[in-house]
Amino acid sequence: TAALLLPNTQAPFFAALAYQVNLALLKRSYRMLLCCTDFDSGLEQKY
């Protein structure tokens, strides 16, 4: 399992990035834990 830290998934770029990272991880038999931080540095550190 790998964590993916992104500001959000509302922006099309971040959503597309999450999709592509997930596909790449799945090809390697990994799971993805999506962590949306909403640009909050404290939340990033918690994740």
ModelCIF file with pLDDT and N, C-alpha, C, O atoms, coordinates in Angstrom:
data_MODEL
#
_entry.id   MODEL 
#
_entity.id                         1 
_entity.type                       polymer 
_entity.pdbx_number_of_molecules   1 
#
_entity_poly.entity_id                      1 
_entity_poly.type                           'polypeptide(L)' 
_entity_poly.nstd_linkage                   no 
_entity_poly.nstd_monomer                   no 
_entity_poly.pdbx_seq_one_letter_code       TAALLLPNTQAPFFAALAYQVNLALLKRSYRMLLCCTDFDSGLEQKY 
_entity_poly.pdbx_seq_one_letter_code_can   TAALLLPNTQAPFFAALAYQVNLALLKRSYRMLLCCTDFDSGLEQKY 
_entity_poly.pdbx_strand_id                 A 
#
loop_
_entity_poly_seq.entity_id 
_entity_poly_seq.num 
_entity_poly_seq.mon_id 
_entity_poly_seq.hetero 
1 1  THR n 
1 2  ALA n 
1 3  ALA n 
1 4  LEU n 
1 5  LEU n 
1 6  LEU n 
1 7  PRO n 
1 8  ASN n 
1 9  THR n 
1 10 GLN n 
1 11 ALA n 
1 12 PRO n 
1 13 PHE n 
1 14 PHE n 
1 15 ALA n 
1 16 ALA n 
1 17 LEU n 
1 18 ALA n 
1 19 TYR n 
1 20 GLN n 
1 21 VAL n 
1 22 ASN n 
1 23 LEU n 
1 24 ALA n 
1 25 LEU n 
1 26 LEU n 
1 27 LYS n 
1 28 ARG n 
1 29 SER n 
1 30 TYR n 
1 31 ARG n 
1 32 MET n 
1 33 LEU n 
1 34 LEU n 
1 35 CYS n 
1 36 CYS n 
1 37 THR n 
1 38 ASP n 
1 39 PHE n 
1 40 ASP n 
1 41 SER n 
1 42 GLY n 
1 43 LEU n 
1 44 GLU n 
1 45 GLN n 
1 46 LYS n 
1 47 TYR n 
#
_struct_asym.id          A 
_struct_asym.entity_id   1 
#
loop_
_ma_qa_metric.id 
_ma_qa_metric.mode 
_ma_qa_metric.name 
_ma_qa_metric.software_group_id 
_ma_qa_metric.type 
1 global pLDDT . pLDDT 
2 local  pLDDT . pLDDT 
#
_ma_qa_metric_global.metric_id      1 
_ma_qa_metric_global.metric_value   95.77 
_ma_qa_metric_global.model_id       1 
_ma_qa_metric_global.ordinal_id     1 
#
loop_
_ma_qa_metric_local.label_asym_id 
_ma_qa_metric_local.label_comp_id 
_ma_qa_metric_local.label_seq_id 
_ma_qa_metric_local.metric_id 
_ma_qa_metric_local.metric_value 
_ma_qa_metric_local.model_id 
_ma_qa_metric_local.ordinal_id 
A THR 1  2 94.00 1 1  
A ALA 2  2 96.00 1 2  
A ALA 3  2 97.00 1 3  
A LEU 4  2 97.00 1 4  
A LEU 5  2 97.00 1 5  
A LEU 6  2 97.00 1 6  
A PRO 7  2 96.00 1 7  
A ASN 8  2 96.00 1 8  
A THR 9  2 95.00 1 9  
A GLN 10 2 96.00 1 10 
A ALA 11 2 95.00 1 11 
A PRO 12 2 97.00 1 12 
A PHE 13 2 96.00 1 13 
A PHE 14 2 96.00 1 14 
A ALA 15 2 97.00 1 15 
A ALA 16 2 97.00 1 16 
A LEU 17 2 97.00 1 17 
A ALA 18 2 97.00 1 18 
A TYR 19 2 98.00 1 19 
A GLN 20 2 97.00 1 20 
A VAL 21 2 97.00 1 21 
A ASN 22 2 97.00 1 22 
A LEU 23 2 98.00 1 23 
A ALA 24 2 97.00 1 24 
A LEU 25 2 97.00 1 25 
A LEU 26 2 96.00 1 26 
A LYS 27 2 96.00 1 27 
A ARG 28 2 94.00 1 28 
A SER 29 2 90.00 1 29 
A TYR 30 2 94.00 1 30 
A ARG 31 2 94.00 1 31 
A MET 32 2 97.00 1 32 
A LEU 33 2 96.00 1 33 
A LEU 34 2 97.00 1 34 
A CYS 35 2 97.00 1 35 
A CYS 36 2 97.00 1 36 
A THR 37 2 95.00 1 37 
A ASP 38 2 94.00 1 38 
A PHE 39 2 93.00 1 39 
A ASP 40 2 94.00 1 40 
A SER 41 2 93.00 1 41 
A GLY 42 2 94.00 1 42 
A LEU 43 2 95.00 1 43 
A GLU 44 2 94.00 1 44 
A GLN 45 2 95.00 1 45 
A LYS 46 2 96.00 1 46 
A TYR 47 2 96.00 1 47 
#
loop_
_atom_site.group_PDB 
_atom_site.id 
_atom_site.type_symbol 
_atom_site.label_atom_id 
_atom_site.label_alt_id 
_atom_site.label_comp_id 
_atom_site.label_asym_id 
_atom_site.label_entity_id 
_atom_site.label_seq_id 
_atom_site.pdbx_PDB_ins_code 
_atom_site.Cartn_x 
_atom_site.Cartn_y 
_atom_site.Cartn_z 
_atom_site.occupancy 
_atom_site.B_iso_or_equiv 
_atom_site.pdbx_formal_charge 
_atom_site.auth_seq_id 
_atom_site.auth_comp_id 
_atom_site.auth_asym_id 
_atom_site.auth_atom_id 
_atom_site.pdbx_PDB_model_num 
ATOM 1   N N  . THR A 1 1  ? 0.842   -1.179 0.000   1.00 94.00 ? 1  THR A N  1 
ATOM 2   C CA . THR A 1 1  ? 0.000   0.000  0.000   1.00 94.00 ? 1  THR A CA 1 
ATOM 3   C C  . THR A 1 1  ? 0.884   1.238  0.000   1.00 94.00 ? 1  THR A C  1 
ATOM 4   O O  . THR A 1 1  ? 1.873   1.308  0.730   1.00 94.00 ? 1  THR A O  1 
ATOM 5   N N  . ALA A 1 2  ? 0.520   2.209  -0.823  1.00 96.00 ? 2  ALA A N  1 
ATOM 6   C CA . ALA A 1 2  ? 1.215   3.498  -0.857  1.00 96.00 ? 2  ALA A CA 1 
ATOM 7   C C  . ALA A 1 2  ? 0.175   4.600  -0.668  1.00 96.00 ? 2  ALA A C  1 
ATOM 8   O O  . ALA A 1 2  ? -0.945  4.513  -1.171  1.00 96.00 ? 2  ALA A O  1 
ATOM 9   N N  . ALA A 1 3  ? 0.572   5.629  0.064   1.00 97.00 ? 3  ALA A N  1 
ATOM 10  C CA . ALA A 1 3  ? -0.297  6.783  0.259   1.00 97.00 ? 3  ALA A CA 1 
ATOM 11  C C  . ALA A 1 3  ? -0.046  7.794  -0.858  1.00 97.00 ? 3  ALA A C  1 
ATOM 12  O O  . ALA A 1 3  ? 1.096   8.024  -1.256  1.00 97.00 ? 3  ALA A O  1 
ATOM 13  N N  . LEU A 1 4  ? -1.109  8.385  -1.350  1.00 97.00 ? 4  LEU A N  1 
ATOM 14  C CA . LEU A 1 4  ? -0.996  9.463  -2.328  1.00 97.00 ? 4  LEU A CA 1 
ATOM 15  C C  . LEU A 1 4  ? -1.560  10.719 -1.681  1.00 97.00 ? 4  LEU A C  1 
ATOM 16  O O  . LEU A 1 4  ? -2.752  10.791 -1.381  1.00 97.00 ? 4  LEU A O  1 
ATOM 17  N N  . LEU A 1 5  ? -0.693  11.711 -1.467  1.00 97.00 ? 5  LEU A N  1 
ATOM 18  C CA . LEU A 1 5  ? -1.110  12.987 -0.883  1.00 97.00 ? 5  LEU A CA 1 
ATOM 19  C C  . LEU A 1 5  ? -1.394  13.973 -2.005  1.00 97.00 ? 5  LEU A C  1 
ATOM 20  O O  . LEU A 1 5  ? -0.511  14.300 -2.798  1.00 97.00 ? 5  LEU A O  1 
ATOM 21  N N  . LEU A 1 6  ? -2.626  14.439 -2.062  1.00 97.00 ? 6  LEU A N  1 
ATOM 22  C CA . LEU A 1 6  ? -3.026  15.430 -3.062  1.00 97.00 ? 6  LEU A CA 1 
ATOM 23  C C  . LEU A 1 6  ? -3.818  16.533 -2.365  1.00 97.00 ? 6  LEU A C  1 
ATOM 24  O O  . LEU A 1 6  ? -4.469  16.284 -1.351  1.00 97.00 ? 6  LEU A O  1 
ATOM 25  N N  . PRO A 1 7  ? -3.765  17.756 -2.906  1.00 96.00 ? 7  PRO A N  1 
ATOM 26  C CA . PRO A 1 7  ? -4.556  18.827 -2.305  1.00 96.00 ? 7  PRO A CA 1 
ATOM 27  C C  . PRO A 1 7  ? -6.063  18.540 -2.338  1.00 96.00 ? 7  PRO A C  1 
ATOM 28  O O  . PRO A 1 7  ? -6.766  18.818 -1.367  1.00 96.00 ? 7  PRO A O  1 
ATOM 29  N N  . ASN A 1 8  ? -6.558  17.990 -3.439  1.00 96.00 ? 8  ASN A N  1 
ATOM 30  C CA . ASN A 1 8  ? -7.974  17.625 -3.553  1.00 96.00 ? 8  ASN A CA 1 
ATOM 31  C C  . ASN A 1 8  ? -8.166  16.810 -4.821  1.00 96.00 ? 8  ASN A C  1 
ATOM 32  O O  . ASN A 1 8  ? -7.217  16.572 -5.569  1.00 96.00 ? 8  ASN A O  1 
ATOM 33  N N  . THR A 1 9  ? -9.382  16.391 -5.052  1.00 95.00 ? 9  THR A N  1 
ATOM 34  C CA . THR A 1 9  ? -9.688  15.690 -6.304  1.00 95.00 ? 9  THR A CA 1 
ATOM 35  C C  . THR A 1 9  ? -10.739 16.449 -7.098  1.00 95.00 ? 9  THR A C  1 
ATOM 36  O O  . THR A 1 9  ? -11.296 15.927 -8.064  1.00 95.00 ? 9  THR A O  1 
ATOM 37  N N  . GLN A 1 10 ? -11.008 17.684 -6.687  1.00 96.00 ? 10 GLN A N  1 
ATOM 38  C CA . GLN A 1 10 ? -11.950 18.518 -7.436  1.00 96.00 ? 10 GLN A CA 1 
ATOM 39  C C  . GLN A 1 10 ? -11.314 19.072 -8.706  1.00 96.00 ? 10 GLN A C  1 
ATOM 40  O O  . GLN A 1 10 ? -11.959 19.160 -9.752  1.00 96.00 ? 10 GLN A O  1 
ATOM 41  N N  . ALA A 1 11 ? -10.045 19.443 -8.600  1.00 95.00 ? 11 ALA A N  1 
ATOM 42  C CA . ALA A 1 11 ? -9.348  19.963 -9.775  1.00 95.00 ? 11 ALA A CA 1 
ATOM 43  C C  . ALA A 1 11 ? -9.100  18.808 -10.745 1.00 95.00 ? 11 ALA A C  1 
ATOM 44  O O  . ALA A 1 11 ? -8.605  17.761 -10.327 1.00 95.00 ? 11 ALA A O  1 
ATOM 45  N N  . PRO A 1 12 ? -9.425  18.967 -12.009 1.00 97.00 ? 12 PRO A N  1 
ATOM 46  C CA . PRO A 1 12 ? -9.255  17.883 -12.983 1.00 97.00 ? 12 PRO A CA 1 
ATOM 47  C C  . PRO A 1 12 ? -7.836  17.313 -13.022 1.00 97.00 ? 12 PRO A C  1 
ATOM 48  O O  . PRO A 1 12 ? -7.659  16.106 -13.182 1.00 97.00 ? 12 PRO A O  1 
ATOM 49  N N  . PHE A 1 13 ? -6.824  18.173 -12.876 1.00 96.00 ? 13 PHE A N  1 
ATOM 50  C CA . PHE A 1 13 ? -5.444  17.670 -12.901 1.00 96.00 ? 13 PHE A CA 1 
ATOM 51  C C  . PHE A 1 13 ? -5.192  16.698 -11.757 1.00 96.00 ? 13 PHE A C  1 
ATOM 52  O O  . PHE A 1 13 ? -4.623  15.626 -11.967 1.00 96.00 ? 13 PHE A O  1 
ATOM 53  N N  . PHE A 1 14 ? -5.610  17.063 -10.546 1.00 96.00 ? 14 PHE A N  1 
ATOM 54  C CA . PHE A 1 14 ? -5.379  16.196 -9.384  1.00 96.00 ? 14 PHE A CA 1 
ATOM 55  C C  . PHE A 1 14 ? -6.169  14.889 -9.508  1.00 96.00 ? 14 PHE A C  1 
ATOM 56  O O  . PHE A 1 14 ? -5.673  13.823 -9.145  1.00 96.00 ? 14 PHE A O  1 
ATOM 57  N N  . ALA A 1 15 ? -7.385  14.978 -10.016 1.00 97.00 ? 15 ALA A N  1 
ATOM 58  C CA . ALA A 1 15 ? -8.207  13.774 -10.205 1.00 97.00 ? 15 ALA A CA 1 
ATOM 59  C C  . ALA A 1 15 ? -7.568  12.839 -11.226 1.00 97.00 ? 15 ALA A C  1 
ATOM 60  O O  . ALA A 1 15 ? -7.503  11.628 -11.015 1.00 97.00 ? 15 ALA A O  1 
ATOM 61  N N  . ALA A 1 16 ? -7.097  13.406 -12.329 1.00 97.00 ? 16 ALA A N  1 
ATOM 62  C CA . ALA A 1 16 ? -6.442  12.591 -13.362 1.00 97.00 ? 16 ALA A CA 1 
ATOM 63  C C  . ALA A 1 16 ? -5.145  11.992 -12.831 1.00 97.00 ? 16 ALA A C  1 
ATOM 64  O O  . ALA A 1 16 ? -4.822  10.843 -13.135 1.00 97.00 ? 16 ALA A O  1 
ATOM 65  N N  . LEU A 1 17 ? -4.412  12.748 -12.053 1.00 97.00 ? 17 LEU A N  1 
ATOM 66  C CA . LEU A 1 17 ? -3.169  12.247 -11.459 1.00 97.00 ? 17 LEU A CA 1 
ATOM 67  C C  . LEU A 1 17 ? -3.457  11.075 -10.530 1.00 97.00 ? 17 LEU A C  1 
ATOM 68  O O  . LEU A 1 17 ? -2.768  10.056 -10.577 1.00 97.00 ? 17 LEU A O  1 
ATOM 69  N N  . ALA A 1 18 ? -4.473  11.221 -9.687  1.00 97.00 ? 18 ALA A N  1 
ATOM 70  C CA . ALA A 1 18 ? -4.847  10.135 -8.771  1.00 97.00 ? 18 ALA A CA 1 
ATOM 71  C C  . ALA A 1 18 ? -5.205  8.873  -9.553  1.00 97.00 ? 18 ALA A C  1 
ATOM 72  O O  . ALA A 1 18 ? -4.802  7.771  -9.180  1.00 97.00 ? 18 ALA A O  1 
ATOM 73  N N  . TYR A 1 19 ? -5.948  9.035  -10.618 1.00 98.00 ? 19 TYR A N  1 
ATOM 74  C CA . TYR A 1 19 ? -6.352  7.901  -11.458 1.00 98.00 ? 19 TYR A CA 1 
ATOM 75  C C  . TYR A 1 19 ? -5.128  7.194  -12.040 1.00 98.00 ? 19 TYR A C  1 
ATOM 76  O O  . TYR A 1 19 ? -5.031  5.969  -11.981 1.00 98.00 ? 19 TYR A O  1 
ATOM 77  N N  . GLN A 1 20 ? -4.200  7.960  -12.599 1.00 97.00 ? 20 GLN A N  1 
ATOM 78  C CA . GLN A 1 20 ? -3.018  7.374  -13.231 1.00 97.00 ? 20 GLN A CA 1 
ATOM 79  C C  . GLN A 1 20 ? -2.076  6.730  -12.209 1.00 97.00 ? 20 GLN A C  1 
ATOM 80  O O  . GLN A 1 20 ? -1.517  5.665  -12.473 1.00 97.00 ? 20 GLN A O  1 
ATOM 81  N N  . VAL A 1 21 ? -1.897  7.358  -11.061 1.00 97.00 ? 21 VAL A N  1 
ATOM 82  C CA . VAL A 1 21 ? -1.056  6.767  -10.016 1.00 97.00 ? 21 VAL A CA 1 
ATOM 83  C C  . VAL A 1 21 ? -1.685  5.453  -9.546  1.00 97.00 ? 21 VAL A C  1 
ATOM 84  O O  . VAL A 1 21 ? -0.983  4.460  -9.352  1.00 97.00 ? 21 VAL A O  1 
ATOM 85  N N  . ASN A 1 22 ? -3.004  5.450  -9.365  1.00 97.00 ? 22 ASN A N  1 
ATOM 86  C CA . ASN A 1 22 ? -3.689  4.229  -8.941  1.00 97.00 ? 22 ASN A CA 1 
ATOM 87  C C  . ASN A 1 22 ? -3.490  3.113  -9.964  1.00 97.00 ? 22 ASN A C  1 
ATOM 88  O O  . ASN A 1 22 ? -3.223  1.973  -9.584  1.00 97.00 ? 22 ASN A O  1 
ATOM 89  N N  . LEU A 1 23 ? -3.617  3.423  -11.259 1.00 98.00 ? 23 LEU A N  1 
ATOM 90  C CA . LEU A 1 23 ? -3.401  2.409  -12.298 1.00 98.00 ? 23 LEU A CA 1 
ATOM 91  C C  . LEU A 1 23 ? -1.979  1.852  -12.234 1.00 98.00 ? 23 LEU A C  1 
ATOM 92  O O  . LEU A 1 23 ? -1.779  0.641  -12.327 1.00 98.00 ? 23 LEU A O  1 
ATOM 93  N N  . ALA A 1 24 ? -0.994  2.738  -12.075 1.00 97.00 ? 24 ALA A N  1 
ATOM 94  C CA . ALA A 1 24 ? 0.404   2.301  -12.011 1.00 97.00 ? 24 ALA A CA 1 
ATOM 95  C C  . ALA A 1 24 ? 0.635   1.402  -10.794 1.00 97.00 ? 24 ALA A C  1 
ATOM 96  O O  . ALA A 1 24 ? 1.353   0.406  -10.882 1.00 97.00 ? 24 ALA A O  1 
ATOM 97  N N  . LEU A 1 25 ? 0.029   1.754  -9.667  1.00 97.00 ? 25 LEU A N  1 
ATOM 98  C CA . LEU A 1 25 ? 0.188   0.931  -8.465  1.00 97.00 ? 25 LEU A CA 1 
ATOM 99  C C  . LEU A 1 25 ? -0.501  -0.422 -8.629  1.00 97.00 ? 25 LEU A C  1 
ATOM 100 O O  . LEU A 1 25 ? 0.049   -1.453 -8.243  1.00 97.00 ? 25 LEU A O  1 
ATOM 101 N N  . LEU A 1 26 ? -1.703  -0.418 -9.201  1.00 96.00 ? 26 LEU A N  1 
ATOM 102 C CA . LEU A 1 26 ? -2.435  -1.676 -9.401  1.00 96.00 ? 26 LEU A CA 1 
ATOM 103 C C  . LEU A 1 26 ? -1.653  -2.654 -10.276 1.00 96.00 ? 26 LEU A C  1 
ATOM 104 O O  . LEU A 1 26 ? -1.675  -3.861 -10.033 1.00 96.00 ? 26 LEU A O  1 
ATOM 105 N N  . LYS A 1 27 ? -0.960  -2.134 -11.298 1.00 96.00 ? 27 LYS A N  1 
ATOM 106 C CA . LYS A 1 27 ? -0.158  -2.992 -12.174 1.00 96.00 ? 27 LYS A CA 1 
ATOM 107 C C  . LYS A 1 27 ? 0.954   -3.688 -11.401 1.00 96.00 ? 27 LYS A C  1 
ATOM 108 O O  . LYS A 1 27 ? 1.458   -4.728 -11.827 1.00 96.00 ? 27 LYS A O  1 
ATOM 109 N N  . ARG A 1 28 ? 1.333   -3.115 -10.272 1.00 94.00 ? 28 ARG A N  1 
ATOM 110 C CA . ARG A 1 28 ? 2.391   -3.689 -9.433  1.00 94.00 ? 28 ARG A CA 1 
ATOM 111 C C  . ARG A 1 28 ? 1.821   -4.368 -8.187  1.00 94.00 ? 28 ARG A C  1 
ATOM 112 O O  . ARG A 1 28 ? 2.545   -4.656 -7.234  1.00 94.00 ? 28 ARG A O  1 
ATOM 113 N N  . SER A 1 29 ? 0.509   -4.618 -8.214  1.00 90.00 ? 29 SER A N  1 
ATOM 114 C CA . SER A 1 29 ? -0.216  -5.271 -7.113  1.00 90.00 ? 29 SER A CA 1 
ATOM 115 C C  . SER A 1 29 ? -0.168  -4.471 -5.818  1.00 90.00 ? 29 SER A C  1 
ATOM 116 O O  . SER A 1 29 ? -0.127  -5.040 -4.727  1.00 90.00 ? 29 SER A O  1 
ATOM 117 N N  . TYR A 1 30 ? -0.175  -3.154 -5.945  1.00 94.00 ? 30 TYR A N  1 
ATOM 118 C CA . TYR A 1 30 ? -0.228  -2.268 -4.780  1.00 94.00 ? 30 TYR A CA 1 
ATOM 119 C C  . TYR A 1 30 ? -1.597  -1.627 -4.680  1.00 94.00 ? 30 TYR A C  1 
ATOM 120 O O  . TYR A 1 30 ? -2.295  -1.448 -5.678  1.00 94.00 ? 30 TYR A O  1 
ATOM 121 N N  . ARG A 1 31 ? -1.966  -1.286 -3.456  1.00 94.00 ? 31 ARG A N  1 
ATOM 122 C CA . ARG A 1 31 ? -3.174  -0.526 -3.191  1.00 94.00 ? 31 ARG A CA 1 
ATOM 123 C C  . ARG A 1 31 ? -2.772  0.928  -2.971  1.00 94.00 ? 31 ARG A C  1 
ATOM 124 O O  . ARG A 1 31 ? -1.630  1.227  -2.620  1.00 94.00 ? 31 ARG A O  1 
ATOM 125 N N  . MET A 1 32 ? -3.725  1.817  -3.184  1.00 97.00 ? 32 MET A N  1 
ATOM 126 C CA . MET A 1 32 ? -3.461  3.243  -2.982  1.00 97.00 ? 32 MET A CA 1 
ATOM 127 C C  . MET A 1 32 ? -4.384  3.781  -1.897  1.00 97.00 ? 32 MET A C  1 
ATOM 128 O O  . MET A 1 32 ? -5.594  3.555  -1.925  1.00 97.00 ? 32 MET A O  1 
ATOM 129 N N  . LEU A 1 33 ? -3.804  4.488  -0.952  1.00 96.00 ? 33 LEU A N  1 
ATOM 130 C CA . LEU A 1 33 ? -4.563  5.192  0.061   1.00 96.00 ? 33 LEU A CA 1 
ATOM 131 C C  . LEU A 1 33 ? -4.560  6.667  -0.344  1.00 96.00 ? 33 LEU A C  1 
ATOM 132 O O  . LEU A 1 33 ? -3.528  7.333  -0.269  1.00 96.00 ? 33 LEU A O  1 
ATOM 133 N N  . LEU A 1 34 ? -5.706  7.170  -0.770  1.00 97.00 ? 34 LEU A N  1 
ATOM 134 C CA . LEU A 1 34 ? -5.804  8.547  -1.232  1.00 97.00 ? 34 LEU A CA 1 
ATOM 135 C C  . LEU A 1 34 ? -6.025  9.465  -0.039  1.00 97.00 ? 34 LEU A C  1 
ATOM 136 O O  . LEU A 1 34 ? -6.957  9.276  0.743   1.00 97.00 ? 34 LEU A O  1 
ATOM 137 N N  . CYS A 1 35 ? -5.156  10.461 0.089   1.00 97.00 ? 35 CYS A N  1 
ATOM 138 C CA . CYS A 1 35 ? -5.214  11.407 1.200   1.00 97.00 ? 35 CYS A CA 1 
ATOM 139 C C  . CYS A 1 35 ? -5.336  12.819 0.638   1.00 97.00 ? 35 CYS A C  1 
ATOM 140 O O  . CYS A 1 35 ? -4.365  13.366 0.115   1.00 97.00 ? 35 CYS A O  1 
ATOM 141 N N  . CYS A 1 36 ? -6.515  13.404 0.743   1.00 97.00 ? 36 CYS A N  1 
ATOM 142 C CA . CYS A 1 36 ? -6.735  14.770 0.255   1.00 97.00 ? 36 CYS A CA 1 
ATOM 143 C C  . CYS A 1 36 ? -6.461  15.741 1.398   1.00 97.00 ? 36 CYS A C  1 
ATOM 144 O O  . CYS A 1 36 ? -7.055  15.641 2.472   1.00 97.00 ? 36 CYS A O  1 
ATOM 145 N N  . THR A 1 37 ? -5.550  16.683 1.150   1.00 95.00 ? 37 THR A N  1 
ATOM 146 C CA . THR A 1 37 ? -5.057  17.564 2.211   1.00 95.00 ? 37 THR A CA 1 
ATOM 147 C C  . THR A 1 37 ? -5.693  18.948 2.226   1.00 95.00 ? 37 THR A C  1 
ATOM 148 O O  . THR A 1 37 ? -5.551  19.679 3.206   1.00 95.00 ? 37 THR A O  1 
ATOM 149 N N  . ASP A 1 38 ? -6.390  19.318 1.159   1.00 94.00 ? 38 ASP A N  1 
ATOM 150 C CA . ASP A 1 38 ? -7.013  20.633 1.040   1.00 94.00 ? 38 ASP A CA 1 
ATOM 151 C C  . ASP A 1 38 ? -6.008  21.759 1.301   1.00 94.00 ? 38 ASP A C  1 
ATOM 152 O O  . ASP A 1 38 ? -6.345  22.781 1.900   1.00 94.00 ? 38 ASP A O  1 
ATOM 153 N N  . PHE A 1 39 ? -4.783  21.557 0.848   1.00 93.00 ? 39 PHE A N  1 
ATOM 154 C CA . PHE A 1 39 ? -3.696  22.539 0.970   1.00 93.00 ? 39 PHE A CA 1 
ATOM 155 C C  . PHE A 1 39 ? -3.352  22.851 2.433   1.00 93.00 ? 39 PHE A C  1 
ATOM 156 O O  . PHE A 1 39 ? -2.778  23.901 2.720   1.00 93.00 ? 39 PHE A O  1 
ATOM 157 N N  . ASP A 1 40 ? -3.694  21.959 3.344   1.00 94.00 ? 40 ASP A N  1 
ATOM 158 C CA . ASP A 1 40 ? -3.458  22.161 4.780   1.00 94.00 ? 40 ASP A CA 1 
ATOM 159 C C  . ASP A 1 40 ? -2.169  21.447 5.172   1.00 94.00 ? 40 ASP A C  1 
ATOM 160 O O  . ASP A 1 40 ? -2.123  20.217 5.178   1.00 94.00 ? 40 ASP A O  1 
ATOM 161 N N  . SER A 1 41 ? -1.120  22.205 5.500   1.00 93.00 ? 41 SER A N  1 
ATOM 162 C CA . SER A 1 41 ? 0.176   21.597 5.815   1.00 93.00 ? 41 SER A CA 1 
ATOM 163 C C  . SER A 1 41 ? 0.102   20.740 7.077   1.00 93.00 ? 41 SER A C  1 
ATOM 164 O O  . SER A 1 41 ? 0.804   19.733 7.177   1.00 93.00 ? 41 SER A O  1 
ATOM 165 N N  . GLY A 1 42 ? -0.729  21.118 8.034   1.00 94.00 ? 42 GLY A N  1 
ATOM 166 C CA . GLY A 1 42 ? -0.894  20.304 9.243   1.00 94.00 ? 42 GLY A CA 1 
ATOM 167 C C  . GLY A 1 42 ? -1.514  18.958 8.922   1.00 94.00 ? 42 GLY A C  1 
ATOM 168 O O  . GLY A 1 42 ? -1.118  17.936 9.482   1.00 94.00 ? 42 GLY A O  1 
ATOM 169 N N  . LEU A 1 43 ? -2.480  18.954 8.028   1.00 95.00 ? 43 LEU A N  1 
ATOM 170 C CA . LEU A 1 43 ? -3.127  17.708 7.612   1.00 95.00 ? 43 LEU A CA 1 
ATOM 171 C C  . LEU A 1 43 ? -2.157  16.840 6.820   1.00 95.00 ? 43 LEU A C  1 
ATOM 172 O O  . LEU A 1 43 ? -2.155  15.617 6.963   1.00 95.00 ? 43 LEU A O  1 
ATOM 173 N N  . GLU A 1 44 ? -1.333  17.469 5.988   1.00 94.00 ? 44 GLU A N  1 
ATOM 174 C CA . GLU A 1 44 ? -0.304  16.720 5.257   1.00 94.00 ? 44 GLU A CA 1 
ATOM 175 C C  . GLU A 1 44 ? 0.591   15.972 6.239   1.00 94.00 ? 44 GLU A C  1 
ATOM 176 O O  . GLU A 1 44 ? 0.889   14.794 6.044   1.00 94.00 ? 44 GLU A O  1 
ATOM 177 N N  . GLN A 1 45 ? 1.015   16.661 7.290   1.00 95.00 ? 45 GLN A N  1 
ATOM 178 C CA . GLN A 1 45 ? 1.895   16.036 8.281   1.00 95.00 ? 45 GLN A CA 1 
ATOM 179 C C  . GLN A 1 45 ? 1.188   14.891 8.996   1.00 95.00 ? 45 GLN A C  1 
ATOM 180 O O  . GLN A 1 45 ? 1.801   13.863 9.283   1.00 95.00 ? 45 GLN A O  1 
ATOM 181 N N  . LYS A 1 46 ? -0.106  15.069 9.285   1.00 96.00 ? 46 LYS A N  1 
ATOM 182 C CA . LYS A 1 46 ? -0.873  13.991 9.932   1.00 96.00 ? 46 LYS A CA 1 
ATOM 183 C C  . LYS A 1 46 ? -0.950  12.755 9.038   1.00 96.00 ? 46 LYS A C  1 
ATOM 184 O O  . LYS A 1 46 ? -0.850  11.626 9.518   1.00 96.00 ? 46 LYS A O  1 
ATOM 185 N N  . TYR A 1 47 ? -1.131  12.979 7.724   1.00 96.00 ? 47 TYR A N  1 
ATOM 186 C CA . TYR A 1 47 ? -1.188  11.845 6.801   1.00 96.00 ? 47 TYR A CA 1 
ATOM 187 C C  . TYR A 1 47 ? 0.169   11.135 6.710   1.00 96.00 ? 47 TYR A C  1 
ATOM 188 O O  . TYR A 1 47 ? 0.305   10.155 5.977   1.00 96.00 ? 47 TYR A O  1 
#
